[in-house]
PDB file of N, CA and C in Angstrom:
ATOM      1  N   UNK A   1      93.161 100.016 112.144  1.00  0.00           N
ATOM      2  CA  UNK A   1      93.476  98.825 111.387  1.00  0.00           C
ATOM      3  C   UNK A   1      94.349  97.874 112.184  1.00  0.00           C
ATOM      4  N   UNK A   2      94.405  98.047 113.459  1.00  0.00           N
ATOM      5  CA  UNK A   2      95.276  97.204 114.280  1.00  0.00           C
ATOM      6  C   UNK A   2      94.932  95.733 114.117  1.00  0.00           C
ATOM      7  N   UNK A   3      93.650  95.388 114.141  1.00  0.00           N
ATOM      8  CA  UNK A   3      93.258  93.984 114.031  1.00  0.00           C
ATOM      9  C   UNK A   3      93.627  93.399 112.670  1.00  0.00           C
ATOM     10  N   UNK A   4      93.749  94.231 111.657  1.00  0.00           N
ATOM     11  CA  UNK A   4      94.078  93.748 110.328  1.00  0.00           C
ATOM     12  C   UNK A   4      95.548  93.534 110.083  1.00  0.00           C
ATOM     13  N   UNK A   5      96.399  93.967 111.014  1.00  0.00           N
ATOM     14  CA  UNK A   5      97.843  93.825 110.787  1.00  0.00           C
ATOM     15  C   UNK A   5      98.273  92.374 110.610  1.00  0.00           C
ATOM     16  N   UNK A   6      97.863  91.456 111.473  1.00  0.00           N
ATOM     17  CA  UNK A   6      98.244  90.063 111.225  1.00  0.00           C
ATOM     18  C   UNK A   6      97.645  89.534 109.915  1.00  0.00           C
ATOM     19  N   UNK A   7      96.453  90.004 109.572  1.00  0.00           N
ATOM     20  CA  UNK A   7      95.824  89.565 108.327  1.00  0.00           C
ATOM     21  C   UNK A   7      96.678  89.986 107.142  1.00  0.00           C
ATOM     22  N   UNK A   8      97.224  91.190 107.186  1.00  0.00           N
ATOM     23  CA  UNK A   8      98.089  91.653 106.101  1.00  0.00           C
ATOM     24  C   UNK A   8      99.430  90.938 106.116  1.00  0.00           C
ATOM     25  N   UNK A   9      99.979  90.740 107.303  1.00  0.00           N
ATOM     26  CA  UNK A   9     101.302  90.124 107.423  1.00  0.00           C
ATOM     27  C   UNK A   9     101.307  88.669 106.982  1.00  0.00           C
ATOM     28  N   UNK A  10     100.226  87.961 107.229  1.00  0.00           N
ATOM     29  CA  UNK A  10     100.189  86.527 106.935  1.00  0.00           C
ATOM     30  C   UNK A  10      99.476  86.175 105.632  1.00  0.00           C
ATOM     31  N   UNK A  11      98.940  87.167 104.936  1.00  0.00           N
ATOM     32  CA  UNK A  11      98.138  86.891 103.737  1.00  0.00           C
ATOM     33  C   UNK A  11      98.904  86.079 102.696  1.00  0.00           C
ATOM     34  N   UNK A  12     100.126  86.476 102.401  1.00  0.00           N
ATOM     35  CA  UNK A  12     100.897  85.787 101.360  1.00  0.00           C
ATOM     36  C   UNK A  12     101.248  84.367 101.809  1.00  0.00           C
ATOM     37  N   UNK A  13     101.635  84.224 103.086  1.00  0.00           N
ATOM     38  CA  UNK A  13     101.966  82.884 103.585  1.00  0.00           C
ATOM     39  C   UNK A  13     100.748  81.964 103.550  1.00  0.00           C
ATOM     40  N   UNK A  14      99.597  82.493 103.949  1.00  0.00           N
ATOM     41  CA  UNK A  14      98.381  81.677 103.931  1.00  0.00           C
ATOM     42  C   UNK A  14      97.994  81.314 102.497  1.00  0.00           C
ATOM     43  N   UNK A  15      98.185  82.237 101.581  1.00  0.00           N
ATOM     44  CA  UNK A  15      97.858  81.965 100.179  1.00  0.00           C
ATOM     45  C   UNK A  15      98.738  80.870  99.589  1.00  0.00           C
ATOM     46  N   UNK A  16      99.975  80.797 100.045  1.00  0.00           N
ATOM     47  CA  UNK A  16     100.905  79.784  99.530  1.00  0.00           C
ATOM     48  C   UNK A  16     100.719  78.425 100.199  1.00  0.00           C
ATOM     49  N   UNK A  17     100.043  78.405 101.336  1.00  0.00           N
ATOM     50  CA  UNK A  17      99.839  77.145 102.061  1.00  0.00           C
ATOM     51  C   UNK A  17      98.870  76.253 101.283  1.00  0.00           C
ATOM     52  N   UNK A  18      99.046  74.971 101.445  1.00  0.00           N
ATOM     53  CA  UNK A  18      98.166  73.999 100.792  1.00  0.00           C
ATOM     54  C   UNK A  18      96.786  74.028 101.429  1.00  0.00           C
ATOM     55  N   UNK A  19      95.740  73.718 100.648  1.00  0.00           N
ATOM     56  CA  UNK A  19      94.407  73.610 101.245  1.00  0.00           C
ATOM     57  C   UNK A  19      94.439  72.602 102.398  1.00  0.00           C
ATOM     58  N   UNK A  20      93.804  72.956 103.495  1.00  0.00           N
ATOM     59  CA  UNK A  20      93.795  72.087 104.668  1.00  0.00           C
ATOM     60  C   UNK A  20      94.952  72.330 105.617  1.00  0.00           C
ATOM     61  N   UNK A  21      95.944  73.108 105.194  1.00  0.00           N
ATOM     62  CA  UNK A  21      97.073  73.437 106.052  1.00  0.00           C
ATOM     63  C   UNK A  21      96.562  74.207 107.273  1.00  0.00           C
ATOM     64  N   UNK A  22      97.115  73.927 108.461  1.00  0.00           N
ATOM     65  CA  UNK A  22      96.658  74.628 109.671  1.00  0.00           C
ATOM     66  C   UNK A  22      96.749  76.151 109.565  1.00  0.00           C
ATOM     67  N   UNK A  23      97.781  76.660 108.900  1.00  0.00           N
ATOM     68  CA  UNK A  23      97.897  78.106 108.743  1.00  0.00           C
ATOM     69  C   UNK A  23      96.727  78.658 107.929  1.00  0.00           C
ATOM     70  N   UNK A  24      96.419  77.995 106.848  1.00  0.00           N
ATOM     71  CA  UNK A  24      95.319  78.465 106.000  1.00  0.00           C
ATOM     72  C   UNK A  24      93.994  78.411 106.752  1.00  0.00           C
ATOM     73  N   UNK A  25      93.767  77.337 107.503  1.00  0.00           N
ATOM     74  CA  UNK A  25      92.526  77.236 108.294  1.00  0.00           C
ATOM     75  C   UNK A  25      92.473  78.326 109.352  1.00  0.00           C
ATOM     76  N   UNK A  26      93.570  78.553 110.042  1.00  0.00           N
ATOM     77  CA  UNK A  26      93.619  79.590 111.081  1.00  0.00           C
ATOM     78  C   UNK A  26      93.415  80.975 110.471  1.00  0.00           C
ATOM     79  N   UNK A  27      93.999  81.195 109.306  1.00  0.00           N
ATOM     80  CA  UNK A  27      93.844  82.482 108.639  1.00  0.00           C
ATOM     81  C   UNK A  27      92.377  82.722 108.275  1.00  0.00           C
ATOM     82  N   UNK A  28      91.739  81.728 107.688  1.00  0.00           N
ATOM     83  CA  UNK A  28      90.325  81.863 107.316  1.00  0.00           C
ATOM     84  C   UNK A  28      89.464  82.094 108.553  1.00  0.00           C
ATOM     85  N   UNK A  29      89.756  81.392 109.642  1.00  0.00           N
ATOM     86  CA  UNK A  29      89.016  81.614 110.886  1.00  0.00           C
ATOM     87  C   UNK A  29      89.211  83.039 111.392  1.00  0.00           C
ATOM     88  N   UNK A  30      90.428  83.530 111.325  1.00  0.00           N
ATOM     89  CA  UNK A  30      90.711  84.901 111.748  1.00  0.00           C
ATOM     90  C   UNK A  30      89.985  85.924 110.888  1.00  0.00           C
ATOM     91  N   UNK A  31      89.933  85.680 109.593  1.00  0.00           N
ATOM     92  CA  UNK A  31      89.205  86.585 108.702  1.00  0.00           C
ATOM     93  C   UNK A  31      87.712  86.573 109.022  1.00  0.00           C
ATOM     94  N   UNK A  32      87.162  85.387 109.292  1.00  0.00           N
ATOM     95  CA  UNK A  32      85.747  85.313 109.687  1.00  0.00           C
ATOM     96  C   UNK A  32      85.502  86.122 110.954  1.00  0.00           C
ATOM     97  N   UNK A  33      86.435  86.040 111.885  1.00  0.00           N
ATOM     98  CA  UNK A  33      86.334  86.794 113.135  1.00  0.00           C
ATOM     99  C   UNK A  33      86.351  88.300 112.858  1.00  0.00           C
ATOM    100  N   UNK A  34      87.218  88.744 111.969  1.00  0.00           N
ATOM    101  CA  UNK A  34      87.262  90.160 111.605  1.00  0.00           C
ATOM    102  C   UNK A  34      85.951  90.614 110.964  1.00  0.00           C
ATOM    103  N   UNK A  35      85.413  89.810 110.051  1.00  0.00           N
ATOM    104  CA  UNK A  35      84.143  90.152 109.400  1.00  0.00           C
ATOM    105  C   UNK A  35      83.030  90.237 110.438  1.00  0.00           C
ATOM    106  N   UNK A  36      82.963  89.249 111.328  1.00  0.00           N
ATOM    107  CA  UNK A  36      81.944  89.271 112.386  1.00  0.00           C
ATOM    108  C   UNK A  36      82.089  90.508 113.266  1.00  0.00           C
ATOM    109  N   UNK A  37      83.313  90.857 113.610  1.00  0.00           N
ATOM    110  CA  UNK A  37      83.562  92.040 114.430  1.00  0.00           C
ATOM    111  C   UNK A  37      83.121  93.315 113.735  1.00  0.00           C
ATOM    112  N   UNK A  38      83.400  93.409 112.452  1.00  0.00           N
ATOM    113  CA  UNK A  38      82.970  94.588 111.711  1.00  0.00           C
ATOM    114  C   UNK A  38      81.451  94.659 111.619  1.00  0.00           C
ATOM    115  N   UNK A  39      80.801  93.504 111.482  1.00  0.00           N
ATOM    116  CA  UNK A  39      79.335  93.483 111.463  1.00  0.00           C
ATOM    117  C   UNK A  39      78.773  93.965 112.801  1.00  0.00           C
ATOM    118  N   UNK A  40      79.377  93.501 113.906  1.00  0.00           N
ATOM    119  CA  UNK A  40      78.910  93.945 115.237  1.00  0.00           C
ATOM    120  C   UNK A  40      79.103  95.443 115.415  1.00  0.00           C
ATOM    121  N   UNK A  41      80.218  95.970 114.973  1.00  0.00           N
ATOM    122  CA  UNK A  41      80.475  97.409 115.091  1.00  0.00           C
ATOM    123  C   UNK A  41      79.445  98.190 114.283  1.00  0.00           C
ATOM    124  N   UNK A  42      79.143  97.723 113.090  1.00  0.00           N
ATOM    125  CA  UNK A  42      78.158  98.397 112.248  1.00  0.00           C
ATOM    126  C   UNK A  42      76.780  98.401 112.908  1.00  0.00           C
ATOM    127  N   UNK A  43      76.391  97.256 113.474  1.00  0.00           N
ATOM    128  CA  UNK A  43      75.082  97.184 114.142  1.00  0.00           C
ATOM    129  C   UNK A  43      75.032  98.130 115.333  1.00  0.00           C
ATOM    130  N   UNK A  44      76.101  98.166 116.131  1.00  0.00           N
ATOM    131  CA  UNK A  44      76.151  99.049 117.298  1.00  0.00           C
ATOM    132  C   UNK A  44      76.101 100.520 116.899  1.00  0.00           C
ATOM    133  N   UNK A  45      76.614 100.830 115.726  1.00  0.00           N
ATOM    134  CA  UNK A  45      76.623 102.223 115.287  1.00  0.00           C
ATOM    135  C   UNK A  45      75.288 102.639 114.678  1.00  0.00           C
ATOM    136  N   UNK A  46      74.311 101.725 114.693  1.00  0.00           N
ATOM    137  CA  UNK A  46      72.989 102.042 114.179  1.00  0.00           C
ATOM    138  C   UNK A  46      72.789 101.718 112.720  1.00  0.00           C
ATOM    139  N   UNK A  47      73.695 100.951 112.147  1.00  0.00           N
ATOM    140  CA  UNK A  47      73.618 100.594 110.728  1.00  0.00           C
ATOM    141  C   UNK A  47      72.624  99.457 110.483  1.00  0.00           C
ATOM    142  N   UNK A  48      71.957  99.001 111.533  1.00  0.00           N
ATOM    143  CA  UNK A  48      70.962  97.942 111.376  1.00  0.00           C
ATOM    144  C   UNK A  48      71.583  96.637 110.948  1.00  0.00           C
ATOM    145  N   UNK A  49      71.220  96.190 109.751  1.00  0.00           N
ATOM    146  CA  UNK A  49      71.733  94.937 109.219  1.00  0.00           C
ATOM    147  C   UNK A  49      72.777  95.250 108.149  1.00  0.00           C
ATOM    148  N   UNK A  50      74.056  95.260 108.531  1.00  0.00           N
ATOM    149  CA  UNK A  50      75.095  95.628 107.565  1.00  0.00           C
ATOM    150  C   UNK A  50      75.210  94.615 106.430  1.00  0.00           C
ATOM    151  N   UNK A  51      75.486  95.115 105.255  1.00  0.00           N
ATOM    152  CA  UNK A  51      75.663  94.289 104.068  1.00  0.00           C
ATOM    153  C   UNK A  51      77.026  93.601 104.125  1.00  0.00           C
ATOM    154  N   UNK A  52      77.042  92.263 104.114  1.00  0.00           N
ATOM    155  CA  UNK A  52      78.306  91.531 104.196  1.00  0.00           C
ATOM    156  C   UNK A  52      79.237  91.865 103.045  1.00  0.00           C
ATOM    157  N   UNK A  53      78.684  92.074 101.868  1.00  0.00           N
ATOM    158  CA  UNK A  53      79.515  92.408 100.716  1.00  0.00           C
ATOM    159  C   UNK A  53      80.291  93.695 100.929  1.00  0.00           C
ATOM    160  N   UNK A  54      79.637  94.700 101.491  1.00  0.00           N
ATOM    161  CA  UNK A  54      80.304  95.970 101.768  1.00  0.00           C
ATOM    162  C   UNK A  54      81.402  95.775 102.799  1.00  0.00           C
ATOM    163  N   UNK A  55      81.125  94.988 103.817  1.00  0.00           N
ATOM    164  CA  UNK A  55      82.124  94.725 104.853  1.00  0.00           C
ATOM    165  C   UNK A  55      83.328  93.987 104.255  1.00  0.00           C
ATOM    166  N   UNK A  56      83.085  93.015 103.406  1.00  0.00           N
ATOM    167  CA  UNK A  56      84.185  92.285 102.778  1.00  0.00           C
ATOM    168  C   UNK A  56      85.032  93.203 101.894  1.00  0.00           C
ATOM    169  N   UNK A  57      84.388  94.114 101.175  1.00  0.00           N
ATOM    170  CA  UNK A  57      85.130  95.058 100.338  1.00  0.00           C
ATOM    171  C   UNK A  57      85.958  95.990 101.206  1.00  0.00           C
ATOM    172  N   UNK A  58      85.368  96.521 102.279  1.00  0.00           N
ATOM    173  CA  UNK A  58      86.101  97.424 103.163  1.00  0.00           C
ATOM    174  C   UNK A  58      87.283  96.719 103.822  1.00  0.00           C
ATOM    175  N   UNK A  59      87.068  95.517 104.318  1.00  0.00           N
ATOM    176  CA  UNK A  59      88.147  94.767 104.959  1.00  0.00           C
ATOM    177  C   UNK A  59      89.255  94.449 103.958  1.00  0.00           C
ATOM    178  N   UNK A  60      88.875  94.010 102.780  1.00  0.00           N
ATOM    179  CA  UNK A  60      89.863  93.710 101.743  1.00  0.00           C
ATOM    180  C   UNK A  60      90.637  94.954 101.338  1.00  0.00           C
ATOM    181  N   UNK A  61      89.960  96.080 101.268  1.00  0.00           N
ATOM    182  CA  UNK A  61      90.608  97.337 100.925  1.00  0.00           C
ATOM    183  C   UNK A  61      91.624  97.724 101.988  1.00  0.00           C
ATOM    184  N   UNK A  62      91.236  97.604 103.254  1.00  0.00           N
ATOM    185  CA  UNK A  62      92.145  97.976 104.343  1.00  0.00           C
ATOM    186  C   UNK A  62      93.365  97.062 104.402  1.00  0.00           C
ATOM    187  N   UNK A  63      93.142  95.771 104.267  1.00  0.00           N
ATOM    188  CA  UNK A  63      94.266  94.826 104.316  1.00  0.00           C
ATOM    189  C   UNK A  63      95.173  95.024 103.105  1.00  0.00           C
ATOM    190  N   UNK A  64      94.583  95.210 101.941  1.00  0.00           N
ATOM    191  CA  UNK A  64      95.378  95.475 100.744  1.00  0.00           C
ATOM    192  C   UNK A  64      96.214  96.737 100.886  1.00  0.00           C
ATOM    193  N   UNK A  65      95.639  97.761 101.510  1.00  0.00           N
ATOM    194  CA  UNK A  65      96.377  99.005 101.724  1.00  0.00           C
ATOM    195  C   UNK A  65      97.588  98.773 102.614  1.00  0.00           C
ATOM    196  N   UNK A  66      97.414  97.967 103.658  1.00  0.00           N
ATOM    197  CA  UNK A  66      98.551  97.672 104.531  1.00  0.00           C
ATOM    198  C   UNK A  66      99.650  96.924 103.783  1.00  0.00           C
ATOM    199  N   UNK A  67      99.267  95.942 102.978  1.00  0.00           N
ATOM    200  CA  UNK A  67     100.248  95.165 102.218  1.00  0.00           C
ATOM    201  C   UNK A  67     101.003  96.080 101.252  1.00  0.00           C
ATOM    202  N   UNK A  68     100.274  96.906 100.513  1.00  0.00           N
ATOM    203  CA  UNK A  68     100.914  97.802  99.552  1.00  0.00           C
ATOM    204  C   UNK A  68     101.766  98.862 100.241  1.00  0.00           C
ATOM    205  N   UNK A  69     101.263  99.402 101.341  1.00  0.00           N
ATOM    206  CA  UNK A  69     102.017 100.407 102.074  1.00  0.00           C
ATOM    207  C   UNK A  69     103.337  99.843 102.583  1.00  0.00           C
ATOM    208  N   UNK A  70     103.297  98.636 103.105  1.00  0.00           N
ATOM    209  CA  UNK A  70     104.527  98.006 103.590  1.00  0.00           C
ATOM    210  C   UNK A  70     105.503  97.746 102.447  1.00  0.00           C
ATOM    211  N   UNK A  71     104.969  97.385 101.292  1.00  0.00           N
ATOM    212  CA  UNK A  71     105.834  97.121 100.142  1.00  0.00           C
ATOM    213  C   UNK A  71     106.505  98.397  99.642  1.00  0.00           C
ATOM    214  N   UNK A  72     105.913  99.543  99.951  1.00  0.00           N
ATOM    215  CA  UNK A  72     106.462 100.837  99.529  1.00  0.00           C
ATOM    216  C   UNK A  72     107.087 101.601 100.695  1.00  0.00           C
ATOM    217  N   UNK A  73     107.339 100.926 101.800  1.00  0.00           N
ATOM    218  CA  UNK A  73     107.898 101.590 102.985  1.00  0.00           C
ATOM    219  C   UNK A  73     109.140 102.383 102.608  1.00  0.00           C
ATOM    220  N   UNK A  74     109.236 103.584 103.176  1.00  0.00           N
ATOM    221  CA  UNK A  74     110.369 104.446 102.888  1.00  0.00           C
ATOM    222  C   UNK A  74     110.112 105.400 101.739  1.00  0.00           C
ATOM    223  N   UNK A  75     109.025 105.211 101.030  1.00  0.00           N
ATOM    224  CA  UNK A  75     108.638 106.090  99.934  1.00  0.00           C
ATOM    225  C   UNK A  75     107.367 106.822 100.373  1.00  0.00           C
ATOM    226  N   UNK A  76     107.184 108.064  99.930  1.00  0.00           N
ATOM    227  CA  UNK A  76     105.991 108.804 100.341  1.00  0.00           C
ATOM    228  C   UNK A  76     104.704 108.149  99.841  1.00  0.00           C
ATOM    229  N   UNK A  77     104.810 107.295  98.837  1.00  0.00           N
ATOM    230  CA  UNK A  77     103.644 106.574  98.346  1.00  0.00           C
ATOM    231  C   UNK A  77     103.017 105.718  99.452  1.00  0.00           C
ATOM    232  N   UNK A  78     103.828 105.196 100.348  1.00  0.00           N
ATOM    233  CA  UNK A  78     103.332 104.372 101.447  1.00  0.00           C
ATOM    234  C   UNK A  78     102.270 105.111 102.262  1.00  0.00           C
ATOM    235  N   UNK A  79     102.586 106.321 102.689  1.00  0.00           N
ATOM    236  CA  UNK A  79     101.628 107.119 103.465  1.00  0.00           C
ATOM    237  C   UNK A  79     100.442 107.554 102.624  1.00  0.00           C
ATOM    238  N   UNK A  80     100.670 107.848 101.370  1.00  0.00           N
ATOM    239  CA  UNK A  80      99.572 108.269 100.490  1.00  0.00           C
ATOM    240  C   UNK A  80      98.561 107.145 100.298  1.00  0.00           C
ATOM    241  N   UNK A  81      99.037 105.916 100.209  1.00  0.00           N
ATOM    242  CA  UNK A  81      98.128 104.768 100.086  1.00  0.00           C
ATOM    243  C   UNK A  81      97.243 104.677 101.324  1.00  0.00           C
ATOM    244  N   UNK A  82      97.861 104.712 102.500  1.00  0.00           N
ATOM    245  CA  UNK A  82      97.093 104.602 103.742  1.00  0.00           C
ATOM    246  C   UNK A  82      96.109 105.745 103.913  1.00  0.00           C
ATOM    247  N   UNK A  83      96.517 106.945 103.594  1.00  0.00           N
ATOM    248  CA  UNK A  83      95.632 108.109 103.721  1.00  0.00           C
ATOM    249  C   UNK A  83      94.449 107.999 102.777  1.00  0.00           C
ATOM    250  N   UNK A  84      94.713 107.634 101.525  1.00  0.00           N
ATOM    251  CA  UNK A  84      93.634 107.523 100.541  1.00  0.00           C
ATOM    252  C   UNK A  84      92.612 106.465 100.949  1.00  0.00           C
ATOM    253  N   UNK A  85      93.086 105.317 101.418  1.00  0.00           N
ATOM    254  CA  UNK A  85      92.171 104.247 101.812  1.00  0.00           C
ATOM    255  C   UNK A  85      91.405 104.629 103.073  1.00  0.00           C
ATOM    256  N   UNK A  86      92.105 105.217 104.046  1.00  0.00           N
ATOM    257  CA  UNK A  86      91.418 105.661 105.261  1.00  0.00           C
ATOM    258  C   UNK A  86      90.300 106.632 104.915  1.00  0.00           C
ATOM    259  N   UNK A  87      90.601 107.632 104.094  1.00  0.00           N
ATOM    260  CA  UNK A  87      89.591 108.614 103.722  1.00  0.00           C
ATOM    261  C   UNK A  87      88.434 107.967 102.975  1.00  0.00           C
ATOM    262  N   UNK A  88      88.739 107.018 102.099  1.00  0.00           N
ATOM    263  CA  UNK A  88      87.686 106.332 101.343  1.00  0.00           C
ATOM    264  C   UNK A  88      86.775 105.509 102.271  1.00  0.00           C
ATOM    265  N   UNK A  89      87.392 104.720 103.135  1.00  0.00           N
ATOM    266  CA  UNK A  89      86.604 103.851 104.026  1.00  0.00           C
ATOM    267  C   UNK A  89      85.764 104.683 104.991  1.00  0.00           C
ATOM    268  N   UNK A  90      86.314 105.792 105.463  1.00  0.00           N
ATOM    269  CA  UNK A  90      85.585 106.643 106.404  1.00  0.00           C
ATOM    270  C   UNK A  90      84.628 107.607 105.701  1.00  0.00           C
ATOM    271  N   UNK A  91      84.643 107.597 104.369  1.00  0.00           N
ATOM    272  CA  UNK A  91      83.730 108.456 103.634  1.00  0.00           C
ATOM    273  C   UNK A  91      84.236 109.866 103.440  1.00  0.00           C
ATOM    274  N   UNK A  92      85.516 110.092 103.633  1.00  0.00           N
ATOM    275  CA  UNK A  92      86.100 111.420 103.486  1.00  0.00           C
ATOM    276  C   UNK A  92      86.845 111.552 102.167  1.00  0.00           C
ATOM    277  N   UNK A  93      86.403 110.831 101.146  1.00  0.00           N
ATOM    278  CA  UNK A  93      87.167 110.792  99.896  1.00  0.00           C
ATOM    279  C   UNK A  93      86.647 111.757  98.845  1.00  0.00           C
ATOM    280  N   UNK A  94      86.024 112.841  99.258  1.00  0.00           N
ATOM    281  CA  UNK A  94      85.497 113.809  98.308  1.00  0.00           C
ATOM    282  C   UNK A  94      86.532 114.864  97.960  1.00  0.00           C
ATOM    283  N   UNK A  95      87.797 114.496  98.022  1.00  0.00           N
ATOM    284  CA  UNK A  95      88.861 115.415  97.656  1.00  0.00           C
ATOM    285  C   UNK A  95      89.722 114.777  96.581  1.00  0.00           C
ATOM    286  N   UNK A  96      90.248 115.607  95.730  1.00  0.00           N
ATOM    287  CA  UNK A  96      91.166 115.131  94.701  1.00  0.00           C
ATOM    288  C   UNK A  96      92.509 114.860  95.350  1.00  0.00           C
ATOM    289  N   UNK A  97      93.415 114.169  94.670  1.00  0.00           N
ATOM    290  CA  UNK A  97      94.745 113.950  95.239  1.00  0.00           C
ATOM    291  C   UNK A  97      95.465 115.256  95.591  1.00  0.00           C
ATOM    292  N   UNK A  98      95.080 116.362  94.922  1.00  0.00           N
ATOM    293  CA  UNK A  98      95.703 117.649  95.200  1.00  0.00           C
ATOM    294  C   UNK A  98      95.078 118.323  96.414  1.00  0.00           C
ATOM    295  N   UNK A  99      94.048 117.692  97.030  1.00  0.00           N
ATOM    296  CA  UNK A  99      93.425 118.241  98.225  1.00  0.00           C
ATOM    297  C   UNK A  99      92.244 119.155  97.934  1.00  0.00           C
ATOM    298  N   UNK A 100      91.799 119.235  96.666  1.00  0.00           N
ATOM    299  CA  UNK A 100      90.685 120.095  96.322  1.00  0.00           C
ATOM    300  C   UNK A 100      89.379 119.377  96.607  1.00  0.00           C
ATOM    301  N   UNK A 101      88.458 120.063  97.286  1.00  0.00           N
ATOM    302  CA  UNK A 101      87.158 119.498  97.643  1.00  0.00           C
ATOM    303  C   UNK A 101      86.302 119.377  96.395  1.00  0.00           C
ATOM    304  N   UNK A 102      85.742 118.176  96.162  1.00  0.00           N
ATOM    305  CA  UNK A 102      84.881 117.959  95.017  1.00  0.00           C
ATOM    306  C   UNK A 102      83.443 117.723  95.426  1.00  0.00           C
ATOM    307  N   UNK A 103      83.122 117.925  96.711  1.00  0.00           N
ATOM    308  CA  UNK A 103      81.759 117.716  97.171  1.00  0.00           C
ATOM    309  C   UNK A 103      80.852 118.817  96.644  1.00  0.00           C
ATOM    310  N   UNK A 104      79.550 118.589  96.722  1.00  0.00           N
ATOM    311  CA  UNK A 104      78.566 119.567  96.238  1.00  0.00           C
ATOM    312  C   UNK A 104      78.601 120.864  97.030  1.00  0.00           C
ATOM    313  N   UNK A 105      79.123 120.836  98.271  1.00  0.00           N
ATOM    314  CA  UNK A 105      79.129 122.025  99.112  1.00  0.00           C
ATOM    315  C   UNK A 105      80.374 122.878  98.908  1.00  0.00           C
ATOM    316  N   UNK A 106      81.262 122.437  98.045  1.00  0.00           N
ATOM    317  CA  UNK A 106      82.487 123.222  97.811  1.00  0.00           C
ATOM    318  C   UNK A 106      82.126 124.518  97.128  1.00  0.00           C
ATOM    319  N   UNK A 107      82.767 125.594  97.544  1.00  0.00           N
ATOM    320  CA  UNK A 107      82.406 126.895  97.007  1.00  0.00           C
ATOM    321  C   UNK A 107      83.416 127.359  96.093  1.00  0.00           C
TER     322      UNK A 107
END
């Protein structure tokens, strides 16, 4: 999520900026760049034509996780947020919060 760090750090400032403000324009351009980069990564990984909606949801989820984690810094909830989102985005979310496997292969 390294590329998303500035996106998380500047999200609130960009949201408060007036339409047409250079910060808001730069932020939107940066977000477009992130979306394009994620699309290229998906294509290279053999995903063919990645769905933009899925990419936007994943990017929004990752950036939101960073914002929330930072807001909870110093509390164990911070790490739990990042772990849960990482596992979800990577497809490893078949476990309950208690760590119990809920996949069909669980014995």
